[in-house]
């Protein structure tokens, strides 16, 4: 597993904490790097990392249309089962 994949996995674990207040603070930090997450999905480097980046975007993206457009453009770069 690449360092990038491990980092995104760790970041994901912070965003889905049971502590809602802390999870929101983590989401705020992740939002600052939103465009890096888009780049990760669109890069085609690794499907696993793209999936974590997509999941993070689902949690933090404030513009649902942008996320929908990403899925239209990059669907082939993500696993068939996004759940």
PDB file of N, CA and C in Angstrom:
ATOM      1  N   UNK A   1       0.856  -1.180   0.000  1.00  0.00           N
ATOM      2  CA  UNK A   1       0.000   0.000   0.000  1.00  0.00           C
ATOM      3  C   UNK A   1       0.902   1.243   0.000  1.00  0.00           C
ATOM      4  N   UNK A   2       0.611   2.143  -0.857  1.00  0.00           N
ATOM      5  CA  UNK A   2       1.445   3.339  -0.994  1.00  0.00           C
ATOM      6  C   UNK A   2       1.232   4.301   0.176  1.00  0.00           C
ATOM      7  N   UNK A   3       2.181   5.177   0.355  1.00  0.00           N
ATOM      8  CA  UNK A   3       2.076   6.192   1.414  1.00  0.00           C
ATOM      9  C   UNK A   3       0.861   7.084   1.174  1.00  0.00           C
ATOM     10  N   UNK A   4       0.602   7.401  -0.087  1.00  0.00           N
ATOM     11  CA  UNK A   4      -0.545   8.243  -0.434  1.00  0.00           C
ATOM     12  C   UNK A   4      -1.855   7.558   0.008  1.00  0.00           C
ATOM     13  N   UNK A   5      -1.954   6.267  -0.292  1.00  0.00           N
ATOM     14  CA  UNK A   5      -3.138   5.495   0.083  1.00  0.00           C
ATOM     15  C   UNK A   5      -3.286   5.460   1.609  1.00  0.00           C
ATOM     16  N   UNK A   6      -2.206   5.213   2.305  1.00  0.00           N
ATOM     17  CA  UNK A   6      -2.231   5.164   3.768  1.00  0.00           C
ATOM     18  C   UNK A   6      -2.636   6.511   4.361  1.00  0.00           C
ATOM     19  N   UNK A   7      -2.119   7.585   3.788  1.00  0.00           N
ATOM     20  CA  UNK A   7      -2.468   8.916   4.273  1.00  0.00           C
ATOM     21  C   UNK A   7      -3.960   9.192   4.096  1.00  0.00           C
ATOM     22  N   UNK A   8      -4.486   8.887   2.919  1.00  0.00           N
ATOM     23  CA  UNK A   8      -5.916   9.123   2.666  1.00  0.00           C
ATOM     24  C   UNK A   8      -6.792   8.250   3.554  1.00  0.00           C
ATOM     25  N   UNK A   9      -6.352   7.032   3.804  1.00  0.00           N
ATOM     26  CA  UNK A   9      -7.065   6.137   4.720  1.00  0.00           C
ATOM     27  C   UNK A   9      -7.098   6.741   6.119  1.00  0.00           C
ATOM     28  N   UNK A  10      -5.966   7.242   6.584  1.00  0.00           N
ATOM     29  CA  UNK A  10      -5.891   7.876   7.897  1.00  0.00           C
ATOM     30  C   UNK A  10      -6.765   9.130   7.951  1.00  0.00           C
ATOM     31  N   UNK A  11      -6.696   9.944   6.923  1.00  0.00           N
ATOM     32  CA  UNK A  11      -7.522  11.145   6.851  1.00  0.00           C
ATOM     33  C   UNK A  11      -9.002  10.780   6.908  1.00  0.00           C
ATOM     34  N   UNK A  12      -9.382   9.748   6.186  1.00  0.00           N
ATOM     35  CA  UNK A  12     -10.774   9.259   6.192  1.00  0.00           C
ATOM     36  C   UNK A  12     -11.197   8.886   7.613  1.00  0.00           C
ATOM     37  N   UNK A  13     -10.312   8.223   8.356  1.00  0.00           N
ATOM     38  CA  UNK A  13     -10.664   7.808   9.721  1.00  0.00           C
ATOM     39  C   UNK A  13     -10.917   9.012  10.624  1.00  0.00           C
ATOM     40  N   UNK A  14     -10.258  10.140  10.370  1.00  0.00           N
ATOM     41  CA  UNK A  14     -10.501  11.354  11.158  1.00  0.00           C
ATOM     42  C   UNK A  14     -11.847  11.983  10.819  1.00  0.00           C
ATOM     43  N   UNK A  15     -12.249  11.876   9.576  1.00  0.00           N
ATOM     44  CA  UNK A  15     -13.492  12.511   9.112  1.00  0.00           C
ATOM     45  C   UNK A  15     -14.732  11.755   9.595  1.00  0.00           C
ATOM     46  N   UNK A  16     -14.600  10.467   9.834  1.00  0.00           N
ATOM     47  CA  UNK A  16     -15.767   9.672  10.229  1.00  0.00           C
ATOM     48  C   UNK A  16     -15.759   9.292  11.714  1.00  0.00           C
ATOM     49  N   UNK A  17     -15.099  10.086  12.517  1.00  0.00           N
ATOM     50  CA  UNK A  17     -15.044   9.844  13.967  1.00  0.00           C
ATOM     51  C   UNK A  17     -16.435   9.840  14.587  1.00  0.00           C
ATOM     52  N   UNK A  18     -16.574   9.139  15.692  1.00  0.00           N
ATOM     53  CA  UNK A  18     -17.832   9.157  16.448  1.00  0.00           C
ATOM     54  C   UNK A  18     -18.026  10.465  17.193  1.00  0.00           C
ATOM     55  N   UNK A  19     -16.969  11.205  17.378  1.00  0.00           N
ATOM     56  CA  UNK A  19     -17.023  12.511  18.039  1.00  0.00           C
ATOM     57  C   UNK A  19     -17.373  13.557  16.982  1.00  0.00           C
ATOM     58  N   UNK A  20     -18.637  13.955  16.934  1.00  0.00           N
ATOM     59  CA  UNK A  20     -19.114  14.851  15.880  1.00  0.00           C
ATOM     60  C   UNK A  20     -18.359  16.170  15.821  1.00  0.00           C
ATOM     61  N   UNK A  21     -18.064  16.734  16.981  1.00  0.00           N
ATOM     62  CA  UNK A  21     -17.365  18.024  17.002  1.00  0.00           C
ATOM     63  C   UNK A  21     -15.961  17.904  16.401  1.00  0.00           C
ATOM     64  N   UNK A  22     -15.244  16.872  16.808  1.00  0.00           N
ATOM     65  CA  UNK A  22     -13.896  16.666  16.286  1.00  0.00           C
ATOM     66  C   UNK A  22     -13.938  16.300  14.799  1.00  0.00           C
ATOM     67  N   UNK A  23     -14.907  15.498  14.398  1.00  0.00           N
ATOM     68  CA  UNK A  23     -15.046  15.131  12.985  1.00  0.00           C
ATOM     69  C   UNK A  23     -15.296  16.377  12.136  1.00  0.00           C
ATOM     70  N   UNK A  24     -16.112  17.300  12.627  1.00  0.00           N
ATOM     71  CA  UNK A  24     -16.375  18.539  11.875  1.00  0.00           C
ATOM     72  C   UNK A  24     -15.113  19.382  11.744  1.00  0.00           C
ATOM     73  N   UNK A  25     -14.322  19.434  12.801  1.00  0.00           N
ATOM     74  CA  UNK A  25     -13.061  20.174  12.731  1.00  0.00           C
ATOM     75  C   UNK A  25     -12.129  19.543  11.700  1.00  0.00           C
ATOM     76  N   UNK A  26     -12.100  18.223  11.661  1.00  0.00           N
ATOM     77  CA  UNK A  26     -11.271  17.523  10.674  1.00  0.00           C
ATOM     78  C   UNK A  26     -11.790  17.780   9.259  1.00  0.00           C
ATOM     79  N   UNK A  27     -13.096  17.797   9.087  1.00  0.00           N
ATOM     80  CA  UNK A  27     -13.681  18.082   7.773  1.00  0.00           C
ATOM     81  C   UNK A  27     -13.301  19.482   7.312  1.00  0.00           C
ATOM     82  N   UNK A  28     -13.278  20.424   8.232  1.00  0.00           N
ATOM     83  CA  UNK A  28     -12.872  21.790   7.878  1.00  0.00           C
ATOM     84  C   UNK A  28     -11.440  21.815   7.345  1.00  0.00           C
ATOM     85  N   UNK A  29     -10.570  21.048   7.980  1.00  0.00           N
ATOM     86  CA  UNK A  29      -9.175  20.975   7.533  1.00  0.00           C
ATOM     87  C   UNK A  29      -9.105  20.310   6.154  1.00  0.00           C
ATOM     88  N   UNK A  30      -9.869  19.246   5.970  1.00  0.00           N
ATOM     89  CA  UNK A  30      -9.869  18.542   4.678  1.00  0.00           C
ATOM     90  C   UNK A  30     -10.387  19.456   3.571  1.00  0.00           C
ATOM     91  N   UNK A  31     -11.388  20.272   3.874  1.00  0.00           N
ATOM     92  CA  UNK A  31     -11.937  21.191   2.867  1.00  0.00           C
ATOM     93  C   UNK A  31     -10.867  22.111   2.291  1.00  0.00           C
ATOM     94  N   UNK A  32      -9.863  22.430   3.091  1.00  0.00           N
ATOM     95  CA  UNK A  32      -8.781  23.296   2.604  1.00  0.00           C
ATOM     96  C   UNK A  32      -7.994  22.624   1.478  1.00  0.00           C
ATOM     97  N   UNK A  33      -8.043  21.301   1.399  1.00  0.00           N
ATOM     98  CA  UNK A  33      -7.328  20.571   0.356  1.00  0.00           C
ATOM     99  C   UNK A  33      -8.242  19.911  -0.655  1.00  0.00           C
ATOM    100  N   UNK A  34      -9.447  20.442  -0.795  1.00  0.00           N
ATOM    101  CA  UNK A  34     -10.437  19.835  -1.687  1.00  0.00           C
ATOM    102  C   UNK A  34      -9.883  19.591  -3.084  1.00  0.00           C
ATOM    103  N   UNK A  35      -9.188  20.561  -3.639  1.00  0.00           N
ATOM    104  CA  UNK A  35      -8.716  20.406  -5.020  1.00  0.00           C
ATOM    105  C   UNK A  35      -7.651  19.322  -5.134  1.00  0.00           C
ATOM    106  N   UNK A  36      -6.926  19.074  -4.068  1.00  0.00           N
ATOM    107  CA  UNK A  36      -5.961  17.963  -4.084  1.00  0.00           C
ATOM    108  C   UNK A  36      -6.691  16.624  -4.135  1.00  0.00           C
ATOM    109  N   UNK A  37      -7.847  16.562  -3.492  1.00  0.00           N
ATOM    110  CA  UNK A  37      -8.638  15.324  -3.541  1.00  0.00           C
ATOM    111  C   UNK A  37      -9.194  15.100  -4.946  1.00  0.00           C
ATOM    112  N   UNK A  38      -9.661  16.170  -5.580  1.00  0.00           N
ATOM    113  CA  UNK A  38     -10.117  16.045  -6.971  1.00  0.00           C
ATOM    114  C   UNK A  38      -8.974  15.562  -7.861  1.00  0.00           C
ATOM    115  N   UNK A  39      -7.799  16.128  -7.655  1.00  0.00           N
ATOM    116  CA  UNK A  39      -6.636  15.734  -8.448  1.00  0.00           C
ATOM    117  C   UNK A  39      -6.322  14.258  -8.241  1.00  0.00           C
ATOM    118  N   UNK A  40      -6.450  13.785  -7.017  1.00  0.00           N
ATOM    119  CA  UNK A  40      -6.162  12.376  -6.728  1.00  0.00           C
ATOM    120  C   UNK A  40      -7.129  11.462  -7.474  1.00  0.00           C
ATOM    121  N   UNK A  41      -8.394  11.803  -7.487  1.00  0.00           N
ATOM    122  CA  UNK A  41      -9.375  10.989  -8.210  1.00  0.00           C
ATOM    123  C   UNK A  41      -9.060  10.999  -9.706  1.00  0.00           C
ATOM    124  N   UNK A  42      -8.795  12.172 -10.243  1.00  0.00           N
ATOM    125  CA  UNK A  42      -8.611  12.320 -11.692  1.00  0.00           C
ATOM    126  C   UNK A  42      -7.250  11.853 -12.202  1.00  0.00           C
ATOM    127  N   UNK A  43      -6.306  11.651 -11.299  1.00  0.00           N
ATOM    128  CA  UNK A  43      -4.942  11.302 -11.716  1.00  0.00           C
ATOM    129  C   UNK A  43      -4.843   9.919 -12.340  1.00  0.00           C
ATOM    130  N   UNK A  44      -5.679   8.991 -11.903  1.00  0.00           N
ATOM    131  CA  UNK A  44      -5.591   7.627 -12.407  1.00  0.00           C
ATOM    132  C   UNK A  44      -4.422   6.840 -11.842  1.00  0.00           C
ATOM    133  N   UNK A  45      -3.768   7.368 -10.798  1.00  0.00           N
ATOM    134  CA  UNK A  45      -2.602   6.692 -10.221  1.00  0.00           C
ATOM    135  C   UNK A  45      -2.966   5.372  -9.570  1.00  0.00           C
ATOM    136  N   UNK A  46      -3.989   5.390  -8.725  1.00  0.00           N
ATOM    137  CA  UNK A  46      -4.351   4.183  -7.983  1.00  0.00           C
ATOM    138  C   UNK A  46      -5.829   4.238  -7.619  1.00  0.00           C
ATOM    139  N   UNK A  47      -6.544   3.177  -7.931  1.00  0.00           N
ATOM    140  CA  UNK A  47      -7.975   3.150  -7.691  1.00  0.00           C
ATOM    141  C   UNK A  47      -8.297   3.242  -6.195  1.00  0.00           C
ATOM    142  N   UNK A  48      -7.499   2.602  -5.358  1.00  0.00           N
ATOM    143  CA  UNK A  48      -7.749   2.645  -3.915  1.00  0.00           C
ATOM    144  C   UNK A  48      -7.631   4.059  -3.356  1.00  0.00           C
ATOM    145  N   UNK A  49      -6.606   4.768  -3.761  1.00  0.00           N
ATOM    146  CA  UNK A  49      -6.432   6.149  -3.310  1.00  0.00           C
ATOM    147  C   UNK A  49      -7.530   7.047  -3.873  1.00  0.00           C
ATOM    148  N   UNK A  50      -7.900   6.810  -5.122  1.00  0.00           N
ATOM    149  CA  UNK A  50      -8.981   7.579  -5.734  1.00  0.00           C
ATOM    150  C   UNK A  50     -10.285   7.365  -4.970  1.00  0.00           C
ATOM    151  N   UNK A  51     -10.515   6.138  -4.527  1.00  0.00           N
ATOM    152  CA  UNK A  51     -11.731   5.843  -3.767  1.00  0.00           C
ATOM    153  C   UNK A  51     -11.750   6.597  -2.442  1.00  0.00           C
ATOM    154  N   UNK A  52     -10.649   6.575  -1.703  1.00  0.00           N
ATOM    155  CA  UNK A  52     -10.600   7.324  -0.442  1.00  0.00           C
ATOM    156  C   UNK A  52     -10.794   8.817  -0.692  1.00  0.00           C
ATOM    157  N   UNK A  53     -10.169   9.333  -1.735  1.00  0.00           N
ATOM    158  CA  UNK A  53     -10.329  10.752  -2.066  1.00  0.00           C
ATOM    159  C   UNK A  53     -11.786  11.058  -2.397  1.00  0.00           C
ATOM    160  N   UNK A  54     -12.434  10.182  -3.137  1.00  0.00           N
ATOM    161  CA  UNK A  54     -13.842  10.374  -3.482  1.00  0.00           C
ATOM    162  C   UNK A  54     -14.713  10.346  -2.233  1.00  0.00           C
ATOM    163  N   UNK A  55     -14.463   9.376  -1.348  1.00  0.00           N
ATOM    164  CA  UNK A  55     -15.234   9.303  -0.095  1.00  0.00           C
ATOM    165  C   UNK A  55     -15.056  10.580   0.722  1.00  0.00           C
ATOM    166  N   UNK A  56     -13.832  11.082   0.780  1.00  0.00           N
ATOM    167  CA  UNK A  56     -13.581  12.326   1.507  1.00  0.00           C
ATOM    168  C   UNK A  56     -14.342  13.480   0.871  1.00  0.00           C
ATOM    169  N   UNK A  57     -14.336  13.535  -0.438  1.00  0.00           N
ATOM    170  CA  UNK A  57     -15.086  14.587  -1.132  1.00  0.00           C
ATOM    171  C   UNK A  57     -16.579  14.485  -0.847  1.00  0.00           C
ATOM    172  N   UNK A  58     -17.096  13.281  -0.768  1.00  0.00           N
ATOM    173  CA  UNK A  58     -18.510  13.112  -0.429  1.00  0.00           C
ATOM    174  C   UNK A  58     -18.828  13.726   0.933  1.00  0.00           C
ATOM    175  N   UNK A  59     -17.883  13.676   1.833  1.00  0.00           N
ATOM    176  CA  UNK A  59     -18.089  14.199   3.190  1.00  0.00           C
ATOM    177  C   UNK A  59     -17.926  15.717   3.275  1.00  0.00           C
ATOM    178  N   UNK A  60     -17.061  16.288   2.441  1.00  0.00           N
ATOM    179  CA  UNK A  60     -16.703  17.697   2.640  1.00  0.00           C
ATOM    180  C   UNK A  60     -17.124  18.649   1.528  1.00  0.00           C
ATOM    181  N   UNK A  61     -17.459  18.131   0.369  1.00  0.00           N
ATOM    182  CA  UNK A  61     -17.810  19.001  -0.760  1.00  0.00           C
ATOM    183  C   UNK A  61     -19.094  19.767  -0.458  1.00  0.00           C
ATOM    184  N   UNK A  62     -19.053  21.058  -0.669  1.00  0.00           N
ATOM    185  CA  UNK A  62     -20.221  21.906  -0.401  1.00  0.00           C
ATOM    186  C   UNK A  62     -21.042  22.163  -1.658  1.00  0.00           C
ATOM    187  N   UNK A  63     -20.532  21.721  -2.794  1.00  0.00           N
ATOM    188  CA  UNK A  63     -21.225  21.898  -4.065  1.00  0.00           C
ATOM    189  C   UNK A  63     -21.540  20.523  -4.655  1.00  0.00           C
ATOM    190  N   UNK A  64     -22.749  20.000  -4.403  1.00  0.00           N
ATOM    191  CA  UNK A  64     -23.092  18.653  -4.876  1.00  0.00           C
ATOM    192  C   UNK A  64     -22.982  18.493  -6.397  1.00  0.00           C
ATOM    193  N   UNK A  65     -23.249  19.545  -7.152  1.00  0.00           N
ATOM    194  CA  UNK A  65     -23.157  19.464  -8.608  1.00  0.00           C
ATOM    195  C   UNK A  65     -21.720  19.186  -9.052  1.00  0.00           C
ATOM    196  N   UNK A  66     -20.754  19.748  -8.349  1.00  0.00           N
ATOM    197  CA  UNK A  66     -19.342  19.528  -8.682  1.00  0.00           C
ATOM    198  C   UNK A  66     -18.965  18.061  -8.448  1.00  0.00           C
ATOM    199  N   UNK A  67     -19.449  17.497  -7.347  1.00  0.00           N
ATOM    200  CA  UNK A  67     -19.182  16.094  -7.042  1.00  0.00           C
ATOM    201  C   UNK A  67     -19.865  15.177  -8.061  1.00  0.00           C
ATOM    202  N   UNK A  68     -21.067  15.516  -8.459  1.00  0.00           N
ATOM    203  CA  UNK A  68     -21.778  14.744  -9.474  1.00  0.00           C
ATOM    204  C   UNK A  68     -21.025  14.778 -10.804  1.00  0.00           C
ATOM    205  N   UNK A  69     -20.515  15.943 -11.155  1.00  0.00           N
ATOM    206  CA  UNK A  69     -19.745  16.083 -12.394  1.00  0.00           C
ATOM    207  C   UNK A  69     -18.453  15.269 -12.331  1.00  0.00           C
ATOM    208  N   UNK A  70     -17.809  15.252 -11.178  1.00  0.00           N
ATOM    209  CA  UNK A  70     -16.611  14.432 -11.010  1.00  0.00           C
ATOM    210  C   UNK A  70     -16.939  12.973 -11.288  1.00  0.00           C
ATOM    211  N   UNK A  71     -18.029  12.498 -10.750  1.00  0.00           N
ATOM    212  CA  UNK A  71     -18.409  11.110 -10.952  1.00  0.00           C
ATOM    213  C   UNK A  71     -18.678  10.827 -12.429  1.00  0.00           C
ATOM    214  N   UNK A  72     -19.273  11.761 -13.130  1.00  0.00           N
ATOM    215  CA  UNK A  72     -19.517  11.584 -14.569  1.00  0.00           C
ATOM    216  C   UNK A  72     -18.206  11.472 -15.342  1.00  0.00           C
ATOM    217  N   UNK A  73     -17.259  12.310 -14.988  1.00  0.00           N
ATOM    218  CA  UNK A  73     -15.991  12.373 -15.718  1.00  0.00           C
ATOM    219  C   UNK A  73     -15.041  11.249 -15.324  1.00  0.00           C
ATOM    220  N   UNK A  74     -15.026  10.892 -14.060  1.00  0.00           N
ATOM    221  CA  UNK A  74     -14.000   9.975 -13.551  1.00  0.00           C
ATOM    222  C   UNK A  74     -14.545   8.622 -13.109  1.00  0.00           C
ATOM    223  N   UNK A  75     -15.734   8.291 -13.502  1.00  0.00           N
ATOM    224  CA  UNK A  75     -16.337   7.024 -13.048  1.00  0.00           C
ATOM    225  C   UNK A  75     -15.441   5.829 -13.356  1.00  0.00           C
ATOM    226  N   UNK A  76     -14.783   5.845 -14.498  1.00  0.00           N
ATOM    227  CA  UNK A  76     -13.922   4.746 -14.911  1.00  0.00           C
ATOM    228  C   UNK A  76     -12.644   4.626 -14.059  1.00  0.00           C
ATOM    229  N   UNK A  77     -12.354   5.639 -13.268  1.00  0.00           N
ATOM    230  CA  UNK A  77     -11.174   5.631 -12.407  1.00  0.00           C
ATOM    231  C   UNK A  77     -11.473   5.152 -10.996  1.00  0.00           C
ATOM    232  N   UNK A  78     -12.734   4.830 -10.729  1.00  0.00           N
ATOM    233  CA  UNK A  78     -13.176   4.403  -9.406  1.00  0.00           C
ATOM    234  C   UNK A  78     -13.706   2.972  -9.477  1.00  0.00           C
ATOM    235  N   UNK A  79     -13.690   2.262  -8.347  1.00  0.00           N
ATOM    236  CA  UNK A  79     -14.244   0.911  -8.336  1.00  0.00           C
ATOM    237  C   UNK A  79     -15.720   0.914  -8.718  1.00  0.00           C
ATOM    238  N   UNK A  80     -16.174  -0.196  -9.281  1.00  0.00           N
ATOM    239  CA  UNK A  80     -17.579  -0.281  -9.690  1.00  0.00           C
ATOM    240  C   UNK A  80     -18.509  -0.081  -8.507  1.00  0.00           C
ATOM    241  N   UNK A  81     -18.149  -0.666  -7.366  1.00  0.00           N
ATOM    242  CA  UNK A  81     -18.960  -0.547  -6.154  1.00  0.00           C
ATOM    243  C   UNK A  81     -18.364   0.546  -5.270  1.00  0.00           C
ATOM    244  N   UNK A  82     -18.987   1.716  -5.258  1.00  0.00           N
ATOM    245  CA  UNK A  82     -18.455   2.847  -4.487  1.00  0.00           C
ATOM    246  C   UNK A  82     -18.785   2.786  -3.000  1.00  0.00           C
ATOM    247  N   UNK A  83     -19.543   1.816  -2.567  1.00  0.00           N
ATOM    248  CA  UNK A  83     -19.936   1.756  -1.139  1.00  0.00           C
ATOM    249  C   UNK A  83     -18.840   1.212  -0.274  1.00  0.00           C
TER     250      UNK A  83
END
